[in-house]
Amino acid sequence: MADKVSLEEIGEAMYKMVEEFAGKKKFKPGELGKEMIAQFGEDRVTKKDCKEALKLLMNSGRLVYGYYGGTSVEIPHVEGAAKDAGEK
């Protein structure tokens, strides 16, 4: 059996995938898990690992759930007023 992939590594790969497809495709949580298992292999990543890695990303605020047209995983949006406040 190959070495297990760390939750941080799975989370980083998830984040990069969501970031790469931002505005083009919305991933459901289960789809992200399937993509990670396909990327790293079933012997190195489990569904439970993917759920835990996603939970870490959600708790840290790097990713959020979106509910428009069904549950999806997204990068947090910055509202217009918040952008203006950051530029001062």
Protein backbone atom coordinates (compact mmCIF):
# COMPACT_ATOMS: atom_id res chain seq x y z
CA MET A 1 0.00 0.00 0.00
CA ALA A 2 1.30 3.44 -0.93
CA ASP A 3 1.75 6.19 1.65
CA LYS A 4 -1.40 8.08 2.61
CA VAL A 5 -1.71 11.66 1.37
CA SER A 6 -1.91 14.27 4.17
CA LEU A 7 -5.14 16.20 4.71
CA GLU A 8 -3.25 19.42 4.03
CA GLU A 9 -2.07 18.13 0.66
CA ILE A 10 -5.57 16.99 -0.29
CA GLY A 11 -6.97 20.35 0.83
CA GLU A 12 -4.41 22.28 -1.19
CA ALA A 13 -5.23 20.24 -4.31
CA MET A 14 -8.95 20.89 -3.75
CA TYR A 15 -8.35 24.61 -3.33
CA LYS A 16 -6.27 24.80 -6.51
CA MET A 17 -8.95 22.94 -8.46
CA VAL A 18 -11.74 25.24 -7.25
CA GLU A 19 -9.53 28.28 -7.90
CA GLU A 20 -8.65 27.11 -11.43
CA PHE A 21 -12.29 26.63 -12.41
CA ALA A 22 -13.72 29.65 -10.54
CA GLY A 23 -16.44 31.26 -12.66
CA LYS A 24 -16.42 28.33 -15.11
CA LYS A 25 -17.54 25.33 -13.07
CA LYS A 26 -19.03 24.86 -9.63
CA PHE A 27 -17.95 21.70 -7.82
CA LYS A 28 -20.27 19.81 -5.50
CA PRO A 29 -18.49 18.49 -2.38
CA GLY A 30 -18.82 14.89 -3.59
CA GLU A 31 -17.36 15.76 -6.99
CA LEU A 32 -14.28 17.24 -5.35
CA GLY A 33 -13.82 14.06 -3.34
CA LYS A 34 -14.07 11.91 -6.48
CA GLU A 35 -11.54 14.15 -8.26
CA MET A 36 -9.07 13.82 -5.36
CA ILE A 37 -9.44 10.03 -5.28
CA ALA A 38 -8.87 9.94 -9.04
CA GLN A 39 -5.86 12.26 -8.77
CA PHE A 40 -4.09 10.55 -5.86
CA GLY A 41 -5.46 7.00 -6.12
CA GLU A 42 -7.93 4.96 -4.07
CA ASP A 43 -5.12 3.37 -2.08
CA ARG A 44 -3.83 6.78 -0.88
CA VAL A 45 -7.03 8.82 -0.35
CA THR A 46 -10.41 7.85 1.10
CA LYS A 47 -13.79 9.58 1.00
CA LYS A 48 -13.37 10.30 4.71
CA ASP A 49 -9.99 11.98 4.05
CA CYS A 50 -11.63 14.20 1.44
CA LYS A 51 -14.44 15.19 3.81
CA GLU A 52 -11.92 16.05 6.54
CA ALA A 53 -9.75 18.09 4.15
CA LEU A 54 -12.81 19.99 2.91
CA LYS A 55 -13.86 20.64 6.51
CA LEU A 56 -10.41 22.13 7.22
CA LEU A 57 -10.76 24.44 4.20
CA MET A 58 -14.26 25.53 5.25
CA ASN A 59 -13.24 26.16 8.87
CA SER A 60 -10.23 28.20 7.79
CA GLY A 61 -12.39 30.34 5.47
CA ARG A 62 -10.38 29.49 2.33
CA LEU A 63 -13.50 27.92 0.77
CA VAL A 64 -17.22 28.38 1.45
CA TYR A 65 -20.41 26.64 0.48
CA GLY A 66 -22.51 28.30 -2.20
CA TYR A 67 -26.20 27.50 -2.52
CA TYR A 68 -27.22 29.09 -5.82
CA GLY A 69 -28.55 26.30 -8.02
CA GLY A 70 -27.56 23.59 -5.53
CA THR A 71 -24.79 23.19 -2.97
CA SER A 72 -21.34 23.91 -4.34
CA VAL A 73 -17.87 24.72 -3.04
CA GLU A 74 -16.53 28.18 -3.89
CA ILE A 75 -13.81 30.68 -3.06
CA PRO A 76 -15.32 33.40 -0.83
CA HIS A 77 -16.53 36.44 -2.74
CA VAL A 78 -15.43 39.93 -1.74
CA GLU A 79 -18.31 42.39 -1.87
CA GLY A 80 -17.90 45.71 -3.65
CA ALA A 81 -17.82 47.81 -0.46
CA ALA A 82 -15.24 45.49 1.09
CA LYS A 83 -13.00 45.88 -1.98
CA ASP A 84 -13.20 49.68 -1.71
CA ALA A 85 -12.32 49.63 2.01
CA GLY A 86 -9.22 47.52 1.33
CA GLU A 87 -7.87 49.93 -1.27
CA LYS A 88 -7.62 52.97 1.02
